[in-house]
Amino acid sequence: MTYVVTENCIACKYTDCVEVCPVDCFYEGENFLAIHPDECIDCGVCEPECPADAIRPDTEPDMAKWVEFNRKYAERWPVITLKKDPLPTAQEMDGKPGKMTLFSEAAGEGS
């Protein structure tokens, strides 16, 4: 099992999860975080830290696409280990459907 970041992270990008990760498997995009599924140790400590409820276990239905999505971008983006402020749109965008159109492939700064 692994955990993955899902669509609700887009345009929110809360980073509470990255500081609790014992293996530093989070990677930062411009408006999204990704978990490298091959580095995640399935400890689950990140899931309850996400204010947007965007981190889910891969055992839930339809998560295979998110495993590959997270892998793809984790291999392109820099690692992030320190908490940062969420995006200015975070509260407004939290829970809104259809956020894939807002997704940016651009890398974040990392930390």
PDB file of N, CA and C in Angstrom:
ATOM      1  N   MET A   1       0.836  -1.185   0.000  1.00  0.00           N
ATOM      2  CA  MET A   1       0.000   0.000   0.000  1.00  0.00           C
ATOM      3  C   MET A   1       0.881   1.249   0.000  1.00  0.00           C
ATOM      4  N   THR A   2       0.346   2.306  -0.531  1.00  0.00           N
ATOM      5  CA  THR A   2       0.993   3.609  -0.513  1.00  0.00           C
ATOM      6  C   THR A   2      -0.088   4.668  -0.355  1.00  0.00           C
ATOM      7  N   TYR A   3       0.317   5.861  -0.054  1.00  0.00           N
ATOM      8  CA  TYR A   3      -0.595   7.000  -0.002  1.00  0.00           C
ATOM      9  C   TYR A   3      -0.302   7.878  -1.201  1.00  0.00           C
ATOM     10  N   VAL A   4      -1.327   8.576  -1.682  1.00  0.00           N
ATOM     11  CA  VAL A   4      -1.173   9.464  -2.824  1.00  0.00           C
ATOM     12  C   VAL A   4      -1.923  10.761  -2.565  1.00  0.00           C
ATOM     13  N   VAL A   5      -1.499  11.794  -3.250  1.00  0.00           N
ATOM     14  CA  VAL A   5      -2.175  13.085  -3.189  1.00  0.00           C
ATOM     15  C   VAL A   5      -3.174  13.119  -4.349  1.00  0.00           C
ATOM     16  N   THR A   6      -4.366  13.595  -4.073  1.00  0.00           N
ATOM     17  CA  THR A   6      -5.427  13.601  -5.074  1.00  0.00           C
ATOM     18  C   THR A   6      -5.820  15.033  -5.467  1.00  0.00           C
ATOM     19  N   GLU A   7      -6.793  15.136  -6.323  1.00  0.00           N
ATOM     20  CA  GLU A   7      -7.197  16.399  -6.949  1.00  0.00           C
ATOM     21  C   GLU A   7      -7.459  17.555  -5.995  1.00  0.00           C
ATOM     22  N   ASN A   8      -7.936  17.294  -4.810  1.00  0.00           N
ATOM     23  CA  ASN A   8      -8.282  18.417  -3.938  1.00  0.00           C
ATOM     24  C   ASN A   8      -7.066  19.229  -3.505  1.00  0.00           C
ATOM     25  N   CYS A   9      -5.863  18.712  -3.693  1.00  0.00           N
ATOM     26  CA  CYS A   9      -4.655  19.481  -3.365  1.00  0.00           C
ATOM     27  C   CYS A   9      -4.435  20.629  -4.363  1.00  0.00           C
ATOM     28  N   ILE A  10      -4.907  20.462  -5.578  1.00  0.00           N
ATOM     29  CA  ILE A  10      -4.689  21.466  -6.625  1.00  0.00           C
ATOM     30  C   ILE A  10      -5.261  22.811  -6.183  1.00  0.00           C
ATOM     31  N   ALA A  11      -4.448  23.843  -6.299  1.00  0.00           N
ATOM     32  CA  ALA A  11      -4.807  25.224  -5.969  1.00  0.00           C
ATOM     33  C   ALA A  11      -4.972  25.457  -4.467  1.00  0.00           C
ATOM     34  N   CYS A  12      -4.650  24.457  -3.657  1.00  0.00           N
ATOM     35  CA  CYS A  12      -4.629  24.609  -2.195  1.00  0.00           C
ATOM     36  C   CYS A  12      -3.177  24.490  -1.713  1.00  0.00           C
ATOM     37  N   LYS A  13      -2.610  23.318  -1.944  1.00  0.00           N
ATOM     38  CA  LYS A  13      -1.226  22.980  -1.609  1.00  0.00           C
ATOM     39  C   LYS A  13      -0.876  23.293  -0.159  1.00  0.00           C
ATOM     40  N   TYR A  14      -1.663  22.727   0.736  1.00  0.00           N
ATOM     41  CA  TYR A  14      -1.280  22.769   2.150  1.00  0.00           C
ATOM     42  C   TYR A  14      -0.057  21.881   2.316  1.00  0.00           C
ATOM     43  N   THR A  15       0.866  22.268   3.154  1.00  0.00           N
ATOM     44  CA  THR A  15       2.093  21.482   3.305  1.00  0.00           C
ATOM     45  C   THR A  15       2.280  20.941   4.715  1.00  0.00           C
ATOM     46  N   ASP A  16       1.218  20.882   5.485  1.00  0.00           N
ATOM     47  CA  ASP A  16       1.288  20.327   6.835  1.00  0.00           C
ATOM     48  C   ASP A  16       1.836  18.899   6.802  1.00  0.00           C
ATOM     49  N   CYS A  17       1.519  18.172   5.754  1.00  0.00           N
ATOM     50  CA  CYS A  17       1.882  16.768   5.607  1.00  0.00           C
ATOM     51  C   CYS A  17       3.383  16.530   5.471  1.00  0.00           C
ATOM     52  N   VAL A  18       4.095  17.454   4.860  1.00  0.00           N
ATOM     53  CA  VAL A  18       5.501  17.184   4.540  1.00  0.00           C
ATOM     54  C   VAL A  18       6.395  17.117   5.778  1.00  0.00           C
ATOM     55  N   GLU A  19       6.068  17.873   6.797  1.00  0.00           N
ATOM     56  CA  GLU A  19       6.916  17.883   7.995  1.00  0.00           C
ATOM     57  C   GLU A  19       6.792  16.618   8.827  1.00  0.00           C
ATOM     58  N   VAL A  20       5.702  15.889   8.706  1.00  0.00           N
ATOM     59  CA  VAL A  20       5.538  14.665   9.496  1.00  0.00           C
ATOM     60  C   VAL A  20       6.040  13.424   8.760  1.00  0.00           C
ATOM     61  N   CYS A  21       6.343  13.550   7.501  1.00  0.00           N
ATOM     62  CA  CYS A  21       6.781  12.399   6.704  1.00  0.00           C
ATOM     63  C   CYS A  21       8.179  11.951   7.141  1.00  0.00           C
ATOM     64  N   PRO A  22       8.315  10.705   7.609  1.00  0.00           N
ATOM     65  CA  PRO A  22       9.620  10.241   8.087  1.00  0.00           C
ATOM     66  C   PRO A  22      10.610   9.889   6.980  1.00  0.00           C
ATOM     67  N   VAL A  23      10.146   9.807   5.727  1.00  0.00           N
ATOM     68  CA  VAL A  23      11.045   9.416   4.637  1.00  0.00           C
ATOM     69  C   VAL A  23      11.170  10.471   3.534  1.00  0.00           C
ATOM     70  N   ASP A  24      10.600  11.639   3.749  1.00  0.00           N
ATOM     71  CA  ASP A  24      10.715  12.741   2.786  1.00  0.00           C
ATOM     72  C   ASP A  24      10.323  12.329   1.359  1.00  0.00           C
ATOM     73  N   CYS A  25       9.121  11.796   1.220  1.00  0.00           N
ATOM     74  CA  CYS A  25       8.679  11.329  -0.099  1.00  0.00           C
ATOM     75  C   CYS A  25       7.703  12.283  -0.782  1.00  0.00           C
ATOM     76  N   PHE A  26       7.624  13.531  -0.293  1.00  0.00           N
ATOM     77  CA  PHE A  26       6.765  14.541  -0.920  1.00  0.00           C
ATOM     78  C   PHE A  26       7.580  15.392  -1.889  1.00  0.00           C
ATOM     79  N   TYR A  27       6.958  15.736  -3.000  1.00  0.00           N
ATOM     80  CA  TYR A  27       7.601  16.542  -4.039  1.00  0.00           C
ATOM     81  C   TYR A  27       6.672  17.698  -4.376  1.00  0.00           C
ATOM     82  N   GLU A  28       7.283  18.855  -4.676  1.00  0.00           N
ATOM     83  CA  GLU A  28       6.495  20.078  -4.801  1.00  0.00           C
ATOM     84  C   GLU A  28       6.377  20.581  -6.232  1.00  0.00           C
ATOM     85  N   GLY A  29       5.131  20.723  -6.655  1.00  0.00           N
ATOM     86  CA  GLY A  29       4.826  21.404  -7.900  1.00  0.00           C
ATOM     87  C   GLY A  29       4.366  22.814  -7.597  1.00  0.00           C
ATOM     88  N   GLU A  30       4.110  23.578  -8.629  1.00  0.00           N
ATOM     89  CA  GLU A  30       3.680  24.964  -8.464  1.00  0.00           C
ATOM     90  C   GLU A  30       2.390  25.071  -7.652  1.00  0.00           C
ATOM     91  N   ASN A  31       1.427  24.162  -7.909  1.00  0.00           N
ATOM     92  CA  ASN A  31       0.155  24.253  -7.181  1.00  0.00           C
ATOM     93  C   ASN A  31      -0.364  22.891  -6.705  1.00  0.00           C
ATOM     94  N   PHE A  32       0.555  21.953  -6.470  1.00  0.00           N
ATOM     95  CA  PHE A  32       0.180  20.586  -6.086  1.00  0.00           C
ATOM     96  C   PHE A  32       1.381  19.917  -5.434  1.00  0.00           C
ATOM     97  N   LEU A  33       1.129  18.985  -4.538  1.00  0.00           N
ATOM     98  CA  LEU A  33       2.176  18.136  -3.970  1.00  0.00           C
ATOM     99  C   LEU A  33       1.979  16.729  -4.495  1.00  0.00           C
ATOM    100  N   ALA A  34       3.058  15.978  -4.597  1.00  0.00           N
ATOM    101  CA  ALA A  34       2.981  14.581  -5.018  1.00  0.00           C
ATOM    102  C   ALA A  34       3.765  13.730  -4.028  1.00  0.00           C
ATOM    103  N   ILE A  35       3.300  12.523  -3.823  1.00  0.00           N
ATOM    104  CA  ILE A  35       4.000  11.534  -3.010  1.00  0.00           C
ATOM    105  C   ILE A  35       4.604  10.513  -3.965  1.00  0.00           C
ATOM    106  N   HIS A  36       5.897  10.238  -3.819  1.00  0.00           N
ATOM    107  CA  HIS A  36       6.484   9.195  -4.659  1.00  0.00           C
ATOM    108  C   HIS A  36       6.036   7.849  -4.098  1.00  0.00           C
ATOM    109  N   PRO A  37       5.223   7.101  -4.852  1.00  0.00           N
ATOM    110  CA  PRO A  37       4.672   5.858  -4.315  1.00  0.00           C
ATOM    111  C   PRO A  37       5.709   4.782  -4.026  1.00  0.00           C
ATOM    112  N   ASP A  38       6.870   4.860  -4.646  1.00  0.00           N
ATOM    113  CA  ASP A  38       7.921   3.875  -4.391  1.00  0.00           C
ATOM    114  C   ASP A  38       8.749   4.223  -3.155  1.00  0.00           C
ATOM    115  N   GLU A  39       8.615   5.438  -2.666  1.00  0.00           N
ATOM    116  CA  GLU A  39       9.351   5.875  -1.479  1.00  0.00           C
ATOM    117  C   GLU A  39       8.473   5.876  -0.229  1.00  0.00           C
ATOM    118  N   CYS A  40       7.172   5.975  -0.405  1.00  0.00           N
ATOM    119  CA  CYS A  40       6.234   5.998   0.718  1.00  0.00           C
ATOM    120  C   CYS A  40       6.314   4.665   1.469  1.00  0.00           C
ATOM    121  N   ILE A  41       6.383   4.743   2.790  1.00  0.00           N
ATOM    122  CA  ILE A  41       6.471   3.521   3.605  1.00  0.00           C
ATOM    123  C   ILE A  41       5.127   3.148   4.222  1.00  0.00           C
ATOM    124  N   ASP A  42       4.075   3.770   3.764  1.00  0.00           N
ATOM    125  CA  ASP A  42       2.715   3.434   4.179  1.00  0.00           C
ATOM    126  C   ASP A  42       2.444   3.659   5.662  1.00  0.00           C
ATOM    127  N   CYS A  43       3.126   4.604   6.251  1.00  0.00           N
ATOM    128  CA  CYS A  43       2.930   4.832   7.689  1.00  0.00           C
ATOM    129  C   CYS A  43       1.620   5.566   7.969  1.00  0.00           C
ATOM    130  N   GLY A  44       1.152   6.370   7.007  1.00  0.00           N
ATOM    131  CA  GLY A  44      -0.127   7.039   7.146  1.00  0.00           C
ATOM    132  C   GLY A  44      -0.138   8.290   8.000  1.00  0.00           C
ATOM    133  N   VAL A  45       1.000   8.747   8.497  1.00  0.00           N
ATOM    134  CA  VAL A  45       0.986   9.926   9.369  1.00  0.00           C
ATOM    135  C   VAL A  45       0.625  11.202   8.616  1.00  0.00           C
ATOM    136  N   CYS A  46       0.806  11.216   7.320  1.00  0.00           N
ATOM    137  CA  CYS A  46       0.496  12.409   6.530  1.00  0.00           C
ATOM    138  C   CYS A  46      -1.000  12.609   6.320  1.00  0.00           C
ATOM    139  N   GLU A  47      -1.738  11.532   6.194  1.00  0.00           N
ATOM    140  CA  GLU A  47      -3.158  11.617   5.837  1.00  0.00           C
ATOM    141  C   GLU A  47      -3.962  12.513   6.776  1.00  0.00           C
ATOM    142  N   PRO A  48      -3.892  12.337   8.098  1.00  0.00           N
ATOM    143  CA  PRO A  48      -4.696  13.202   8.967  1.00  0.00           C
ATOM    144  C   PRO A  48      -4.188  14.640   9.061  1.00  0.00           C
ATOM    145  N   GLU A  49      -2.972  14.896   8.590  1.00  0.00           N
ATOM    146  CA  GLU A  49      -2.415  16.253   8.638  1.00  0.00           C
ATOM    147  C   GLU A  49      -2.920  17.143   7.516  1.00  0.00           C
ATOM    148  N   CYS A  50      -3.508  16.572   6.494  1.00  0.00           N
ATOM    149  CA  CYS A  50      -3.949  17.345   5.331  1.00  0.00           C
ATOM    150  C   CYS A  50      -5.293  18.017   5.599  1.00  0.00           C
ATOM    151  N   PRO A  51      -5.322  19.354   5.703  1.00  0.00           N
ATOM    152  CA  PRO A  51      -6.585  20.064   5.952  1.00  0.00           C
ATOM    153  C   PRO A  51      -7.597  19.902   4.820  1.00  0.00           C
ATOM    154  N   ALA A  52      -7.108  19.597   3.615  1.00  0.00           N
ATOM    155  CA  ALA A  52      -7.985  19.470   2.449  1.00  0.00           C
ATOM    156  C   ALA A  52      -8.439  18.032   2.201  1.00  0.00           C
ATOM    157  N   ASP A  53      -8.020  17.106   3.049  1.00  0.00           N
ATOM    158  CA  ASP A  53      -8.360  15.695   2.878  1.00  0.00           C
ATOM    159  C   ASP A  53      -7.994  15.207   1.480  1.00  0.00           C
ATOM    160  N   ALA A  54      -6.830  15.625   0.997  1.00  0.00           N
ATOM    161  CA  ALA A  54      -6.394  15.275  -0.353  1.00  0.00           C
ATOM    162  C   ALA A  54      -5.479  14.056  -0.388  1.00  0.00           C
ATOM    163  N   ILE A  55      -5.058  13.547   0.753  1.00  0.00           N
ATOM    164  CA  ILE A  55      -4.179  12.381   0.791  1.00  0.00           C
ATOM    165  C   ILE A  55      -5.019  11.146   1.091  1.00  0.00           C
ATOM    166  N   ARG A  56      -4.914  10.163   0.207  1.00  0.00           N
ATOM    167  CA  ARG A  56      -5.735   8.963   0.319  1.00  0.00           C
ATOM    168  C   ARG A  56      -4.866   7.712   0.151  1.00  0.00           C
ATOM    169  N   PRO A  57      -5.261   6.596   0.762  1.00  0.00           N
ATOM    170  CA  PRO A  57      -4.541   5.341   0.540  1.00  0.00           C
ATOM    171  C   PRO A  57      -4.882   4.780  -0.840  1.00  0.00           C
ATOM    172  N   ASP A  58      -3.932   4.094  -1.433  1.00  0.00           N
ATOM    173  CA  ASP A  58      -4.170   3.548  -2.773  1.00  0.00           C
ATOM    174  C   ASP A  58      -5.143   2.373  -2.774  1.00  0.00           C
ATOM    175  N   THR A  59      -5.583   1.943  -1.621  1.00  0.00           N
ATOM    176  CA  THR A  59      -6.539   0.839  -1.532  1.00  0.00           C
ATOM    177  C   THR A  59      -7.979   1.290  -1.776  1.00  0.00           C
ATOM    178  N   GLU A  60      -8.215   2.588  -1.836  1.00  0.00           N
ATOM    179  CA  GLU A  60      -9.553   3.097  -2.136  1.00  0.00           C
ATOM    180  C   GLU A  60      -9.833   2.927  -3.629  1.00  0.00           C
ATOM    181  N   PRO A  61     -11.102   2.883  -4.017  1.00  0.00           N
ATOM    182  CA  PRO A  61     -11.443   2.723  -5.438  1.00  0.00           C
ATOM    183  C   PRO A  61     -10.869   3.842  -6.312  1.00  0.00           C
ATOM    184  N   ASP A  62     -10.480   3.478  -7.516  1.00  0.00           N
ATOM    185  CA  ASP A  62     -10.010   4.413  -8.548  1.00  0.00           C
ATOM    186  C   ASP A  62      -8.730   5.161  -8.177  1.00  0.00           C
ATOM    187  N   MET A  63      -7.897   4.583  -7.348  1.00  0.00           N
ATOM    188  CA  MET A  63      -6.660   5.257  -6.953  1.00  0.00           C
ATOM    189  C   MET A  63      -5.477   4.923  -7.858  1.00  0.00           C
ATOM    190  N   ALA A  64      -5.586   3.923  -8.712  1.00  0.00           N
ATOM    191  CA  ALA A  64      -4.465   3.544  -9.588  1.00  0.00           C
ATOM    192  C   ALA A  64      -4.009   4.728 -10.443  1.00  0.00           C
ATOM    193  N   LYS A  65      -4.954   5.510 -10.946  1.00  0.00           N
ATOM    194  CA  LYS A  65      -4.576   6.673 -11.771  1.00  0.00           C
ATOM    195  C   LYS A  65      -3.803   7.701 -10.946  1.00  0.00           C
ATOM    196  N   TRP A  66      -4.147   7.825  -9.648  1.00  0.00           N
ATOM    197  CA  TRP A  66      -3.453   8.783  -8.794  1.00  0.00           C
ATOM    198  C   TRP A  66      -2.068   8.283  -8.396  1.00  0.00           C
ATOM    199  N   VAL A  67      -1.901   6.981  -8.296  1.00  0.00           N
ATOM    200  CA  VAL A  67      -0.566   6.427  -8.027  1.00  0.00           C
ATOM    201  C   VAL A  67       0.368   6.809  -9.171  1.00  0.00           C
ATOM    202  N   GLU A  68      -0.068   6.602 -10.403  1.00  0.00           N
ATOM    203  CA  GLU A  68       0.769   6.931 -11.557  1.00  0.00           C
ATOM    204  C   GLU A  68       0.963   8.442 -11.713  1.00  0.00           C
ATOM    205  N   PHE A  69      -0.071   9.198 -11.435  1.00  0.00           N
ATOM    206  CA  PHE A  69       0.019  10.660 -11.495  1.00  0.00           C
ATOM    207  C   PHE A  69       1.060  11.163 -10.497  1.00  0.00           C
ATOM    208  N   ASN A  70       0.997  10.675  -9.261  1.00  0.00           N
ATOM    209  CA  ASN A  70       1.957  11.071  -8.238  1.00  0.00           C
ATOM    210  C   ASN A  70       3.371  10.645  -8.623  1.00  0.00           C
ATOM    211  N   ARG A  71       3.533   9.427  -9.130  1.00  0.00           N
ATOM    212  CA  ARG A  71       4.853   8.946  -9.536  1.00  0.00           C
ATOM    213  C   ARG A  71       5.443   9.851 -10.630  1.00  0.00           C
ATOM    214  N   LYS A  72       4.645  10.153 -11.631  1.00  0.00           N
ATOM    215  CA  LYS A  72       5.101  10.965 -12.758  1.00  0.00           C
ATOM    216  C   LYS A  72       5.678  12.301 -12.289  1.00  0.00           C
ATOM    217  N   TYR A  73       4.953  12.987 -11.418  1.00  0.00           N
ATOM    218  CA  TYR A  73       5.403  14.319 -11.015  1.00  0.00           C
ATOM    219  C   TYR A  73       6.437  14.276  -9.896  1.00  0.00           C
ATOM    220  N   ALA A  74       6.404  13.276  -9.050  1.00  0.00           N
ATOM    221  CA  ALA A  74       7.433  13.136  -8.014  1.00  0.00           C
ATOM    222  C   ALA A  74       8.798  12.937  -8.658  1.00  0.00           C
ATOM    223  N   GLU A  75       8.829  12.312  -9.814  1.00  0.00           N
ATOM    224  CA  GLU A  75      10.098  12.095 -10.511  1.00  0.00           C
ATOM    225  C   GLU A  75      10.592  13.336 -11.245  1.00  0.00           C
ATOM    226  N   ARG A  76       9.770  14.369 -11.342  1.00  0.00           N
ATOM    227  CA  ARG A  76      10.140  15.606 -12.052  1.00  0.00           C
ATOM    228  C   ARG A  76      10.385  16.784 -11.115  1.00  0.00           C
ATOM    229  N   TRP A  77       9.761  16.772  -9.950  1.00  0.00           N
ATOM    230  CA  TRP A  77       9.759  17.925  -9.065  1.00  0.00           C
ATOM    231  C   TRP A  77      10.743  17.760  -7.914  1.00  0.00           C
ATOM    232  N   PRO A  78      11.121  18.881  -7.256  1.00  0.00           N
ATOM    233  CA  PRO A  78      12.028  18.810  -6.110  1.00  0.00           C
ATOM    234  C   PRO A  78      11.320  18.328  -4.841  1.00  0.00           C
ATOM    235  N   VAL A  79      12.086  17.694  -3.979  1.00  0.00           N
ATOM    236  CA  VAL A  79      11.558  17.228  -2.704  1.00  0.00           C
ATOM    237  C   VAL A  79      11.206  18.433  -1.830  1.00  0.00           C
ATOM    238  N   ILE A  80      10.179  18.283  -1.022  1.00  0.00           N
ATOM    239  CA  ILE A  80       9.798  19.316  -0.062  1.00  0.00           C
ATOM    240  C   ILE A  80       9.713  18.663   1.314  1.00  0.00           C
ATOM    241  N   THR A  81      10.382  19.271   2.290  1.00  0.00           N
ATOM    242  CA  THR A  81      10.413  18.701   3.640  1.00  0.00           C
ATOM    243  C   THR A  81       9.974  19.689   4.711  1.00  0.00           C
ATOM    244  N   LEU A  82       9.866  20.959   4.340  1.00  0.00           N
ATOM    245  CA  LEU A  82       9.492  21.987   5.313  1.00  0.00           C
ATOM    246  C   LEU A  82       8.143  22.604   4.971  1.00  0.00           C
ATOM    247  N   LYS A  83       7.357  22.828   5.995  1.00  0.00           N
ATOM    248  CA  LYS A  83       6.032  23.416   5.820  1.00  0.00           C
ATOM    249  C   LYS A  83       6.147  24.847   5.302  1.00  0.00           C
ATOM    250  N   LYS A  84       5.271  25.177   4.371  1.00  0.00           N
ATOM    251  CA  LYS A  84       5.171  26.524   3.807  1.00  0.00           C
ATOM    252  C   LYS A  84       3.722  26.977   3.932  1.00  0.00           C
ATOM    253  N   ASP A  85       3.494  28.242   3.685  1.00  0.00           N
ATOM    254  CA  ASP A  85       2.122  28.747   3.668  1.00  0.00           C
ATOM    255  C   ASP A  85       1.375  28.113   2.495  1.00  0.00           C
ATOM    256  N   PRO A  86       0.079  27.830   2.674  1.00  0.00           N
ATOM    257  CA  PRO A  86      -0.704  27.316   1.544  1.00  0.00           C
ATOM    258  C   PRO A  86      -0.852  28.399   0.483  1.00  0.00           C
ATOM    259  N   LEU A  87      -1.326  28.015  -0.671  1.00  0.00           N
ATOM    260  CA  LEU A  87      -1.562  28.990  -1.735  1.00  0.00           C
ATOM    261  C   LEU A  87      -2.638  29.976  -1.287  1.00  0.00           C
ATOM    262  N   PRO A  88      -2.607  31.198  -1.782  1.00  0.00           N
ATOM    263  CA  PRO A  88      -3.605  32.199  -1.396  1.00  0.00           C
ATOM    264  C   PRO A  88      -5.038  31.771  -1.703  1.00  0.00           C
ATOM    265  N   THR A  89      -5.194  30.847  -2.649  1.00  0.00           N
ATOM    266  CA  THR A  89      -6.526  30.384  -3.049  1.00  0.00           C
ATOM    267  C   THR A  89      -7.003  29.183  -2.228  1.00  0.00           C
ATOM    268  N   ALA A  90      -6.226  28.739  -1.269  1.00  0.00           N
ATOM    269  CA  ALA A  90      -6.500  27.473  -0.575  1.00  0.00           C
ATOM    270  C   ALA A  90      -7.896  27.393   0.031  1.00  0.00           C
ATOM    271  N   GLN A  91      -8.293  28.343   0.825  1.00  0.00           N
ATOM    272  CA  GLN A  91      -9.603  28.259   1.471  1.00  0.00           C
ATOM    273  C   GLN A  91     -10.737  28.305   0.450  1.00  0.00           C
ATOM    274  N   GLU A  92     -10.591  29.137  -0.534  1.00  0.00           N
ATOM    275  CA  GLU A  92     -11.617  29.279  -1.574  1.00  0.00           C
ATOM    276  C   GLU A  92     -11.746  28.008  -2.425  1.00  0.00           C
ATOM    277  N   MET A  93     -10.621  27.358  -2.704  1.00  0.00           N
ATOM    278  CA  MET A  93     -10.622  26.215  -3.610  1.00  0.00           C
ATOM    279  C   MET A  93     -10.805  24.864  -2.929  1.00  0.00           C
ATOM    280  N   ASP A  94     -10.661  24.807  -1.624  1.00  0.00           N
ATOM    281  CA  ASP A  94     -10.779  23.542  -0.900  1.00  0.00           C
ATOM    282  C   ASP A  94     -12.156  22.916  -1.128  1.00  0.00           C
ATOM    283  N   GLY A  95     -12.164  21.712  -1.673  1.00  0.00           N
ATOM    284  CA  GLY A  95     -13.402  20.980  -1.885  1.00  0.00           C
ATOM    285  C   GLY A  95     -14.120  21.246  -3.191  1.00  0.00           C
ATOM    286  N   LYS A  96     -13.628  22.180  -3.986  1.00  0.00           N
ATOM    287  CA  LYS A  96     -14.279  22.475  -5.264  1.00  0.00           C
ATOM    288  C   LYS A  96     -14.010  21.338  -6.251  1.00  0.00           C
ATOM    289  N   PRO A  97     -15.014  20.915  -6.987  1.00  0.00           N
ATOM    290  CA  PRO A  97     -14.825  19.865  -7.992  1.00  0.00           C
ATOM    291  C   PRO A  97     -14.189  20.417  -9.264  1.00  0.00           C
ATOM    292  N   GLY A  98     -13.651  19.524 -10.071  1.00  0.00           N
ATOM    293  CA  GLY A  98     -13.137  19.898 -11.390  1.00  0.00           C
ATOM    294  C   GLY A  98     -11.866  20.711 -11.386  1.00  0.00           C
ATOM    295  N   LYS A  99     -10.994  20.467 -10.425  1.00  0.00           N
ATOM    296  CA  LYS A  99      -9.790  21.288 -10.323  1.00  0.00           C
ATOM    297  C   LYS A  99      -8.648  20.836 -11.247  1.00  0.00           C
ATOM    298  N   MET A 100      -8.811  19.724 -11.957  1.00  0.00           N
ATOM    299  CA  MET A 100      -7.737  19.261 -12.851  1.00  0.00           C
ATOM    300  C   MET A 100      -7.406  20.296 -13.918  1.00  0.00           C
ATOM    301  N   THR A 101      -8.359  21.100 -14.319  1.00  0.00           N
ATOM    302  CA  THR A 101      -8.090  22.115 -15.344  1.00  0.00           C
ATOM    303  C   THR A 101      -7.140  23.187 -14.814  1.00  0.00           C
ATOM    304  N   LEU A 102      -6.999  23.285 -13.492  1.00  0.00           N
ATOM    305  CA  LEU A 102      -6.109  24.270 -12.883  1.00  0.00           C
ATOM    306  C   LEU A 102      -4.706  23.718 -12.616  1.00  0.00           C
ATOM    307  N   PHE A 103      -4.515  22.418 -12.777  1.00  0.00           N
ATOM    308  CA  PHE A 103      -3.246  21.776 -12.475  1.00  0.00           C
ATOM    309  C   PHE A 103      -2.108  22.349 -13.310  1.00  0.00           C
ATOM    310  N   SER A 104      -0.980  22.625 -12.653  1.00  0.00           N
ATOM    311  CA  SER A 104       0.217  23.104 -13.329  1.00  0.00           C
ATOM    312  C   SER A 104       1.302  22.043 -13.250  1.00  0.00           C
ATOM    313  N   GLU A 105       1.924  21.740 -14.370  1.00  0.00           N
ATOM    314  CA  GLU A 105       3.040  20.784 -14.401  1.00  0.00           C
ATOM    315  C   GLU A 105       4.346  21.421 -13.943  1.00  0.00           C
ATOM    316  N   ALA A 106       4.360  22.728 -13.746  1.00  0.00           N
ATOM    317  CA  ALA A 106       5.580  23.425 -13.339  1.00  0.00           C
ATOM    318  C   ALA A 106       6.033  22.975 -11.953  1.00  0.00           C
ATOM    319  N   ALA A 107       7.316  22.903 -11.794  1.00  0.00           N
ATOM    320  CA  ALA A 107       7.902  22.523 -10.491  1.00  0.00           C
ATOM    321  C   ALA A 107       7.776  23.651  -9.502  1.00  0.00           C
ATOM    322  N   GLY A 108       7.724  23.279  -8.226  1.00  0.00           N
ATOM    323  CA  GLY A 108       7.785  24.244  -7.148  1.00  0.00           C
ATOM    324  C   GLY A 108       9.231  24.484  -6.762  1.00  0.00           C
ATOM    325  N   GLU A 109       9.433  25.179  -5.664  1.00  0.00           N
ATOM    326  CA  GLU A 109      10.792  25.501  -5.210  1.00  0.00           C
ATOM    327  C   GLU A 109      11.446  24.376  -4.431  1.00  0.00           C
ATOM    328  N   GLY A 110      10.639  23.557  -3.760  1.00  0.00           N
ATOM    329  CA  GLY A 110      11.190  22.519  -2.897  1.00  0.00           C
ATOM    330  C   GLY A 110      11.775  23.132  -1.629  1.00  0.00           C
ATOM    331  N   SER A 111      12.192  22.269  -0.712  1.00  0.00           N
ATOM    332  CA  SER A 111      12.855  22.739   0.506  1.00  0.00           C
ATOM    333  C   SER A 111      13.535  21.589   1.207  1.00  0.00           C
TER     334      SER A 111
END
